[in-house]
Amino acid sequence: MELFWYIILGLMLTIYVVLDGYDFGVGILHLFLAKEEKDKRLFVKSIGPFWDANEVWLIAAGGILFFAFPKVYASAFSGFYLPLIIVLWLLIFRAVGLELRGQVHNALWEGFWDRMFGISSLLLALFFGTALGNVIRGVNLGGVENGVSAYDPHNFFLPLWNPEFSPKSVNLGVIDWFTVLIGVIAVITLAIHGGNWIILKTNSTLIPRIKKLIFRLTILLSVLIITSFTVWTLVNPDPFRTFIDHPVLWIFPVIALLGLFGLFRVQHFLKEYSGFISSTLFLLGALASSFISIFPKLLPSTNDINPSLTIYNASTGKYGLQVGIYWWIIAAILVIIYLFVQYKIFRGKMDDIDYGH
């Protein structure tokens, strides 16, 4: 039962990254590429009917974590309190930037909210990537120093960074050279994903330029991925143990590689949806591989005093997990119907659909 809810949690987070990820990517490209008013409007139109619905998946994932693994929820939301508040403010500024931008037709007003939308999107991608890096790296559960726990075994607190800026430090920070590397990979990946969404949903004159940018970013992404695998062994000495024990799971890294290969071909695809499918495959494969690499841990411990929080020692009671399945099925059916209707109504190009400004 715990494994089922671990898969569901990973699925919800992956869907969130895929759907809200193209929103972030569009925002990043909006910041750097959209210089003319027509391009800015077109970028926003491409995500206009979708972005607020996509954010619901983050709430849904948080609800699953709270219900199925409450100890991890309590530990993470207290230990990551500072970055979570920053993420909350960034989500607010991003939404406000979209909604208030067109309320006053003034160049200074519009320019300010354009930047807020773009900067918030970029920083959200960076912080969510950094969050994944923190989970892969682990945290100092219990705040152990000199063999003594400062907190309860499942509690911790992280400042934004530590003086050493190292993932091997006793007193870890949210930001270090490893988590920043994962964050930069996330920014580049979502920028590529957002570019593919713009290609799919608009007839922007910037599309040839976006395709060239995607190709160049894919080269950079490949270099950073190879670098991350090299340094990953410094943070986690045996990151591929689960894959070695269960060879069938190598299908997920293969899916990521297929998606990455497709991104190199984005300038030659005849079908506009091919690039978006490629970036989606890469995200699916990469995220699934990350979750599998730490299984069964949900929040690894970096010390030998307090054990990691796993799907087995941090889950709710068996009865609660069983009852939750029925309610999740009902919710899943409703969400599938909603998504089907939403994407059917807004299928095709978005150039002639006004966002509502």
Protein backbone atom coordinates (compact mmCIF):
# COMPACT_ATOMS: atom_id res chain seq x y z
CA MET A 1 0.00 0.00 0.00
CA GLU A 2 2.87 2.39 0.81
CA LEU A 3 4.42 1.67 -2.59
CA PHE A 4 1.14 2.53 -4.32
CA TRP A 5 0.99 5.95 -2.67
CA TYR A 6 4.68 6.56 -3.37
CA ILE A 7 3.96 5.98 -7.06
CA ILE A 8 0.91 8.25 -6.90
CA LEU A 9 2.92 11.00 -5.19
CA GLY A 10 5.65 10.74 -7.82
CA LEU A 11 3.03 10.76 -10.57
CA MET A 12 1.35 13.90 -9.20
CA LEU A 13 4.67 15.74 -8.90
CA THR A 14 5.68 14.67 -12.41
CA ILE A 15 2.38 15.86 -13.90
CA TYR A 16 2.84 19.17 -12.10
CA VAL A 17 6.35 19.63 -13.48
CA VAL A 18 5.25 18.74 -17.03
CA LEU A 19 2.19 21.01 -17.02
CA ASP A 20 3.28 23.96 -14.91
CA GLY A 21 6.80 23.47 -16.25
CA TYR A 22 5.89 24.79 -19.68
CA ASP A 23 4.33 27.80 -17.91
CA PHE A 24 7.66 28.51 -16.21
CA GLY A 25 9.50 27.95 -19.47
CA VAL A 26 7.28 30.41 -21.33
CA GLY A 27 7.91 32.93 -18.55
CA ILE A 28 11.68 32.46 -18.82
CA LEU A 29 11.61 32.96 -22.60
CA HIS A 30 9.22 35.90 -22.14
CA LEU A 31 11.91 37.55 -20.01
CA PHE A 32 14.73 37.12 -22.54
CA LEU A 33 13.14 36.84 -26.00
CA ALA A 34 9.86 38.74 -26.06
CA LYS A 35 10.93 42.33 -26.74
CA GLU A 36 8.01 43.53 -28.86
CA GLU A 37 4.45 43.89 -27.57
CA LYS A 38 3.01 41.38 -30.06
CA ASP A 39 5.46 38.72 -28.92
CA LYS A 40 4.75 39.37 -25.24
CA ARG A 41 1.01 39.03 -25.82
CA LEU A 42 1.44 35.89 -27.88
CA PHE A 43 3.59 34.21 -25.22
CA VAL A 44 1.00 34.98 -22.55
CA LYS A 45 -1.87 33.83 -24.79
CA SER A 46 -0.19 30.44 -25.17
CA ILE A 47 -0.56 29.73 -21.44
CA GLY A 48 -3.53 31.99 -20.64
CA PRO A 49 -6.25 29.32 -20.25
CA PHE A 50 -3.94 26.80 -18.59
CA TRP A 51 -1.49 28.26 -16.07
CA ASP A 52 -3.79 28.63 -13.06
CA ALA A 53 -5.26 25.15 -13.51
CA ASN A 54 -1.75 23.69 -13.82
CA GLU A 55 -0.78 25.05 -10.40
CA VAL A 56 -3.54 22.97 -8.79
CA TRP A 57 -1.37 19.88 -9.31
CA LEU A 58 1.13 21.26 -6.79
CA ILE A 59 -1.63 21.57 -4.20
CA ALA A 60 -2.82 18.06 -5.05
CA ALA A 61 0.69 16.66 -4.58
CA GLY A 62 0.96 18.45 -1.24
CA GLY A 63 -2.39 16.94 -0.23
CA ILE A 64 -1.17 13.44 -1.12
CA LEU A 65 2.01 14.00 0.90
CA PHE A 66 -0.01 15.26 3.89
CA PHE A 67 -2.42 12.33 3.72
CA ALA A 68 -0.12 9.41 2.92
CA PHE A 69 3.19 10.46 4.51
CA PRO A 70 2.35 13.01 7.22
CA LYS A 71 5.70 12.73 9.01
CA VAL A 72 7.54 13.75 5.84
CA TYR A 73 5.06 16.58 5.29
CA ALA A 74 5.63 17.91 8.81
CA SER A 75 9.40 17.51 8.58
CA ALA A 76 9.79 19.09 5.13
CA PHE A 77 7.45 22.02 5.73
CA SER A 78 9.30 22.98 8.90
CA GLY A 79 12.83 22.27 7.69
CA PHE A 80 12.34 23.98 4.33
CA TYR A 81 10.26 26.79 5.83
CA LEU A 82 12.35 29.67 4.46
CA PRO A 83 12.59 28.49 0.82
CA LEU A 84 8.91 27.49 0.85
CA ILE A 85 7.94 31.03 1.85
CA ILE A 86 10.12 32.35 -0.98
CA VAL A 87 8.40 29.97 -3.42
CA LEU A 88 5.00 31.15 -2.15
CA TRP A 89 5.90 34.79 -2.81
CA LEU A 90 7.26 33.93 -6.25
CA LEU A 91 4.01 32.14 -7.14
CA ILE A 92 2.08 35.21 -5.97
CA PHE A 93 4.22 37.65 -7.96
CA ARG A 94 3.98 35.46 -11.05
CA ALA A 95 0.19 35.32 -10.89
CA VAL A 96 -0.13 39.02 -10.05
CA GLY A 97 2.20 39.87 -12.94
CA LEU A 98 -0.10 38.06 -15.37
CA GLU A 99 -3.32 39.50 -13.97
CA LEU A 100 -2.31 43.13 -13.33
CA ARG A 101 -0.13 43.72 -16.36
CA GLY A 102 -3.01 44.73 -18.64
CA GLN A 103 -4.99 46.75 -16.11
CA VAL A 104 -3.09 49.99 -16.77
CA HIS A 105 -1.85 50.87 -20.25
CA ASN A 106 1.41 52.49 -19.28
CA ALA A 107 4.86 51.44 -20.49
CA LEU A 108 6.40 51.64 -17.01
CA TRP A 109 3.55 49.63 -15.44
CA GLU A 110 3.55 46.97 -18.14
CA GLY A 111 7.35 46.68 -18.15
CA PHE A 112 7.46 46.18 -14.37
CA TRP A 113 4.91 43.36 -14.38
CA ASP A 114 6.52 41.76 -17.43
CA ARG A 115 9.76 41.52 -15.49
CA MET A 116 7.99 40.22 -12.39
CA PHE A 117 6.39 37.46 -14.47
CA GLY A 118 9.68 36.49 -16.11
CA ILE A 119 11.92 36.74 -13.04
CA SER A 120 9.41 34.84 -10.88
CA SER A 121 9.17 32.07 -13.49
CA LEU A 122 12.96 31.77 -13.67
CA LEU A 123 13.44 31.74 -9.90
CA LEU A 124 10.62 29.22 -9.41
CA ALA A 125 12.30 26.84 -11.86
CA LEU A 126 15.60 27.38 -10.04
CA PHE A 127 14.10 26.82 -6.57
CA PHE A 128 12.12 23.72 -7.57
CA GLY A 129 15.25 22.25 -9.14
CA THR A 130 17.19 23.11 -5.99
CA ALA A 131 14.45 21.40 -3.94
CA LEU A 132 14.95 18.21 -5.97
CA GLY A 133 18.68 18.53 -5.34
CA ASN A 134 18.04 18.76 -1.60
CA VAL A 135 15.93 15.60 -1.61
CA ILE A 136 18.55 13.68 -3.62
CA ARG A 137 21.37 14.95 -1.39
CA GLY A 138 19.48 14.46 1.88
CA VAL A 139 19.21 16.57 5.02
CA ASN A 140 20.66 16.45 8.51
CA LEU A 141 17.66 14.90 10.26
CA GLY A 142 17.68 15.74 13.94
CA GLY A 143 20.30 18.47 13.44
CA VAL A 144 23.11 16.11 14.51
CA GLU A 145 26.42 17.75 15.39
CA ASN A 146 29.28 15.99 17.19
CA GLY A 147 27.09 12.92 17.50
CA VAL A 148 24.30 14.74 19.35
CA SER A 149 20.82 15.51 17.96
CA ALA A 150 19.61 19.07 18.46
CA TYR A 151 16.00 18.25 17.47
CA ASP A 152 13.63 15.31 17.32
CA PRO A 153 14.88 12.56 14.97
CA HIS A 154 12.62 13.57 12.07
CA ASN A 155 13.06 17.35 12.37
CA PHE A 156 15.65 19.60 10.75
CA PHE A 157 16.18 23.20 9.68
CA LEU A 158 18.17 24.51 6.75
CA PRO A 159 19.38 28.09 6.21
CA LEU A 160 19.53 29.30 2.62
CA TRP A 161 23.25 28.44 2.48
CA ASN A 162 26.15 27.52 4.74
CA PRO A 163 29.62 29.13 4.87
CA GLU A 164 31.23 26.14 3.11
CA PHE A 165 28.63 26.11 0.30
CA SER A 166 29.19 22.34 0.26
CA PRO A 167 26.77 19.38 0.12
CA LYS A 168 29.17 17.43 2.36
CA SER A 169 29.06 19.93 5.23
CA VAL A 170 27.62 18.90 8.59
CA ASN A 171 25.48 22.05 8.75
CA LEU A 172 23.82 21.90 5.35
CA GLY A 173 22.13 24.77 3.54
CA VAL A 174 19.37 24.77 0.95
CA ILE A 175 21.79 26.18 -1.62
CA ASP A 176 25.17 24.57 -2.26
CA TRP A 177 27.14 23.77 -5.40
CA PHE A 178 25.28 20.48 -5.96
CA THR A 179 21.73 21.78 -5.46
CA VAL A 180 22.50 24.87 -7.56
CA LEU A 181 23.69 22.58 -10.35
CA ILE A 182 20.38 20.70 -10.25
CA GLY A 183 18.57 24.05 -10.14
CA VAL A 184 20.37 25.30 -13.26
CA ILE A 185 19.52 22.03 -15.04
CA ALA A 186 15.87 22.62 -14.11
CA VAL A 187 15.92 26.18 -15.48
CA ILE A 188 17.40 25.05 -18.81
CA THR A 189 15.05 22.06 -19.08
CA LEU A 190 11.93 24.12 -18.45
CA ALA A 191 13.09 26.87 -20.80
CA ILE A 192 13.34 24.18 -23.51
CA HIS A 193 9.93 22.78 -22.51
CA GLY A 194 8.36 26.25 -22.64
CA GLY A 195 9.92 26.90 -26.04
CA ASN A 196 8.37 23.70 -27.39
CA TRP A 197 4.99 24.79 -26.00
CA ILE A 198 5.25 28.13 -27.83
CA ILE A 199 6.08 26.27 -31.04
CA LEU A 200 3.07 23.99 -30.50
CA LYS A 201 0.51 26.65 -29.58
CA THR A 202 1.45 29.77 -31.58
CA ASN A 203 2.55 31.03 -34.97
CA SER A 204 5.09 33.40 -33.45
CA THR A 205 7.68 34.92 -35.76
CA LEU A 206 10.22 33.97 -33.07
CA ILE A 207 9.75 30.22 -33.64
CA PRO A 208 12.88 29.78 -35.86
CA ARG A 209 14.92 31.60 -33.22
CA ILE A 210 13.36 29.48 -30.46
CA LYS A 211 14.25 26.26 -32.30
CA LYS A 212 17.88 27.35 -32.60
CA LEU A 213 17.90 28.28 -28.91
CA ILE A 214 16.43 24.89 -27.94
CA PHE A 215 19.20 23.12 -29.87
CA ARG A 216 21.92 25.16 -28.14
CA LEU A 217 20.32 24.75 -24.72
CA THR A 218 20.09 20.98 -25.30
CA ILE A 219 23.85 20.85 -25.85
CA LEU A 220 24.39 22.77 -22.59
CA LEU A 221 21.84 20.54 -20.83
CA SER A 222 23.69 17.40 -21.95
CA VAL A 223 27.00 18.71 -20.61
CA LEU A 224 25.41 19.60 -17.26
CA ILE A 225 23.70 16.20 -16.99
CA ILE A 226 27.02 14.42 -17.50
CA THR A 227 28.57 16.71 -14.88
CA SER A 228 25.73 16.02 -12.45
CA PHE A 229 26.20 12.23 -12.80
CA THR A 230 29.89 12.69 -12.05
CA VAL A 231 29.35 14.70 -8.87
CA TRP A 232 26.28 12.68 -7.82
CA THR A 233 28.56 9.87 -6.70
CA LEU A 234 30.19 12.32 -4.27
CA VAL A 235 26.83 13.04 -2.67
CA ASN A 236 25.35 9.55 -2.95
CA PRO A 237 28.02 6.81 -3.22
CA ASP A 238 25.63 4.28 -4.77
CA PRO A 239 22.92 6.15 -6.74
CA PHE A 240 22.18 3.29 -9.15
CA ARG A 241 21.64 0.49 -6.62
CA THR A 242 17.87 0.25 -7.22
CA PHE A 243 18.40 0.08 -10.98
CA ILE A 244 20.98 -2.68 -10.59
CA ASP A 245 18.67 -4.68 -8.32
CA HIS A 246 15.68 -4.20 -10.66
CA PRO A 247 17.00 -3.92 -14.26
CA VAL A 248 13.50 -3.32 -15.69
CA LEU A 249 13.63 0.17 -14.14
CA TRP A 250 16.33 1.19 -16.64
CA ILE A 251 13.41 1.92 -18.95
CA PHE A 252 13.05 5.33 -17.29
CA PRO A 253 16.61 6.55 -17.97
CA VAL A 254 16.14 5.24 -21.52
CA ILE A 255 12.95 7.32 -21.86
CA ALA A 256 14.89 10.39 -20.70
CA LEU A 257 17.64 9.70 -23.25
CA LEU A 258 15.08 9.30 -26.05
CA GLY A 259 13.55 12.64 -25.10
CA LEU A 260 16.99 14.27 -25.01
CA PHE A 261 17.81 12.85 -28.45
CA GLY A 262 14.52 14.23 -29.77
CA LEU A 263 15.43 17.71 -28.51
CA PHE A 264 18.54 17.67 -30.70
CA ARG A 265 16.22 17.09 -33.67
CA VAL A 266 13.77 19.90 -32.90
CA GLN A 267 14.85 21.99 -35.92
CA HIS A 268 14.08 19.11 -38.28
CA PHE A 269 10.71 17.91 -36.93
CA LEU A 270 7.83 18.30 -39.40
CA LYS A 271 5.17 17.91 -36.71
CA GLU A 272 4.98 20.80 -34.25
CA TYR A 273 4.05 18.55 -31.35
CA SER A 274 7.22 16.43 -31.71
CA GLY A 275 9.42 18.84 -29.75
CA PHE A 276 6.93 19.10 -26.89
CA ILE A 277 6.64 15.31 -26.73
CA SER A 278 10.45 15.08 -26.61
CA SER A 279 10.80 17.51 -23.69
CA THR A 280 7.89 15.79 -21.92
CA LEU A 281 9.57 12.39 -22.31
CA PHE A 282 12.81 13.81 -20.93
CA LEU A 283 11.01 15.25 -17.89
CA LEU A 284 9.09 12.02 -17.26
CA GLY A 285 12.18 9.85 -17.53
CA ALA A 286 14.45 12.14 -15.53
CA LEU A 287 12.01 12.68 -12.66
CA ALA A 288 11.07 8.99 -12.46
CA SER A 289 14.77 8.08 -12.42
CA SER A 290 15.38 10.56 -9.58
CA PHE A 291 12.55 9.13 -7.48
CA ILE A 292 13.73 5.57 -8.12
CA SER A 293 17.34 6.42 -7.20
CA ILE A 294 16.39 7.28 -3.60
CA PHE A 295 13.68 4.62 -3.17
CA PRO A 296 12.39 3.72 -0.59
CA LYS A 297 13.53 6.98 0.99
CA LEU A 298 11.39 10.09 0.87
CA LEU A 299 13.80 12.28 2.80
CA PRO A 300 17.30 10.82 3.14
CA SER A 301 19.30 11.46 6.29
CA THR A 302 22.91 12.57 5.93
CA ASN A 303 23.91 11.33 9.40
CA ASP A 304 24.19 7.86 10.94
CA ILE A 305 22.31 8.78 14.11
CA ASN A 306 18.77 9.30 12.83
CA PRO A 307 17.32 7.10 10.09
CA SER A 308 16.00 8.42 6.79
CA LEU A 309 12.27 8.97 6.42
CA THR A 310 11.02 6.21 4.11
CA ILE A 311 7.67 5.20 2.68
CA TYR A 312 7.48 2.60 5.44
CA ASN A 313 8.38 4.52 8.61
CA ALA A 314 6.68 7.79 7.61
CA SER A 315 3.33 6.60 6.23
CA THR A 316 -0.08 6.93 7.78
CA GLY A 317 -2.06 3.91 9.04
CA LYS A 318 -3.04 1.04 6.74
CA TYR A 319 -6.76 1.76 7.10
CA GLY A 320 -6.29 5.39 6.09
CA LEU A 321 -4.22 4.42 3.06
CA GLN A 322 -6.90 1.95 1.93
CA VAL A 323 -9.82 4.35 2.34
CA GLY A 324 -7.90 7.09 0.56
CA ILE A 325 -7.78 5.02 -2.64
CA TYR A 326 -11.55 5.37 -3.17
CA TRP A 327 -11.49 9.14 -2.79
CA TRP A 328 -8.41 9.44 -5.00
CA ILE A 329 -10.12 7.47 -7.78
CA ILE A 330 -13.12 9.82 -7.66
CA ALA A 331 -10.84 12.88 -7.76
CA ALA A 332 -8.74 11.39 -10.58
CA ILE A 333 -11.84 10.80 -12.74
CA LEU A 334 -13.03 14.39 -12.22
CA VAL A 335 -9.59 15.80 -13.04
CA ILE A 336 -9.28 13.69 -16.20
CA ILE A 337 -12.68 14.92 -17.38
CA TYR A 338 -11.69 18.52 -16.63
CA LEU A 339 -8.37 18.21 -18.47
CA PHE A 340 -10.03 16.57 -21.47
CA VAL A 341 -12.60 19.36 -21.76
CA GLN A 342 -10.05 22.13 -21.17
CA TYR A 343 -7.54 20.95 -23.75
CA LYS A 344 -10.31 20.11 -26.24
CA ILE A 345 -11.76 23.61 -26.03
CA PHE A 346 -8.35 25.25 -26.41
CA ARG A 347 -6.83 22.83 -28.91
CA GLY A 348 -4.81 24.25 -31.76
CA LYS A 349 -3.11 27.62 -31.98
CA MET A 350 -3.82 30.34 -29.44
CA ASP A 351 -2.95 33.39 -31.58
CA ASP A 352 -6.56 34.55 -31.96
CA ILE A 353 -7.70 33.78 -28.41
CA ASP A 354 -7.51 36.82 -26.14
CA TYR A 355 -6.24 36.21 -22.61
CA GLY A 356 -8.77 38.74 -21.30
CA HIS A 357 -6.71 41.87 -20.79
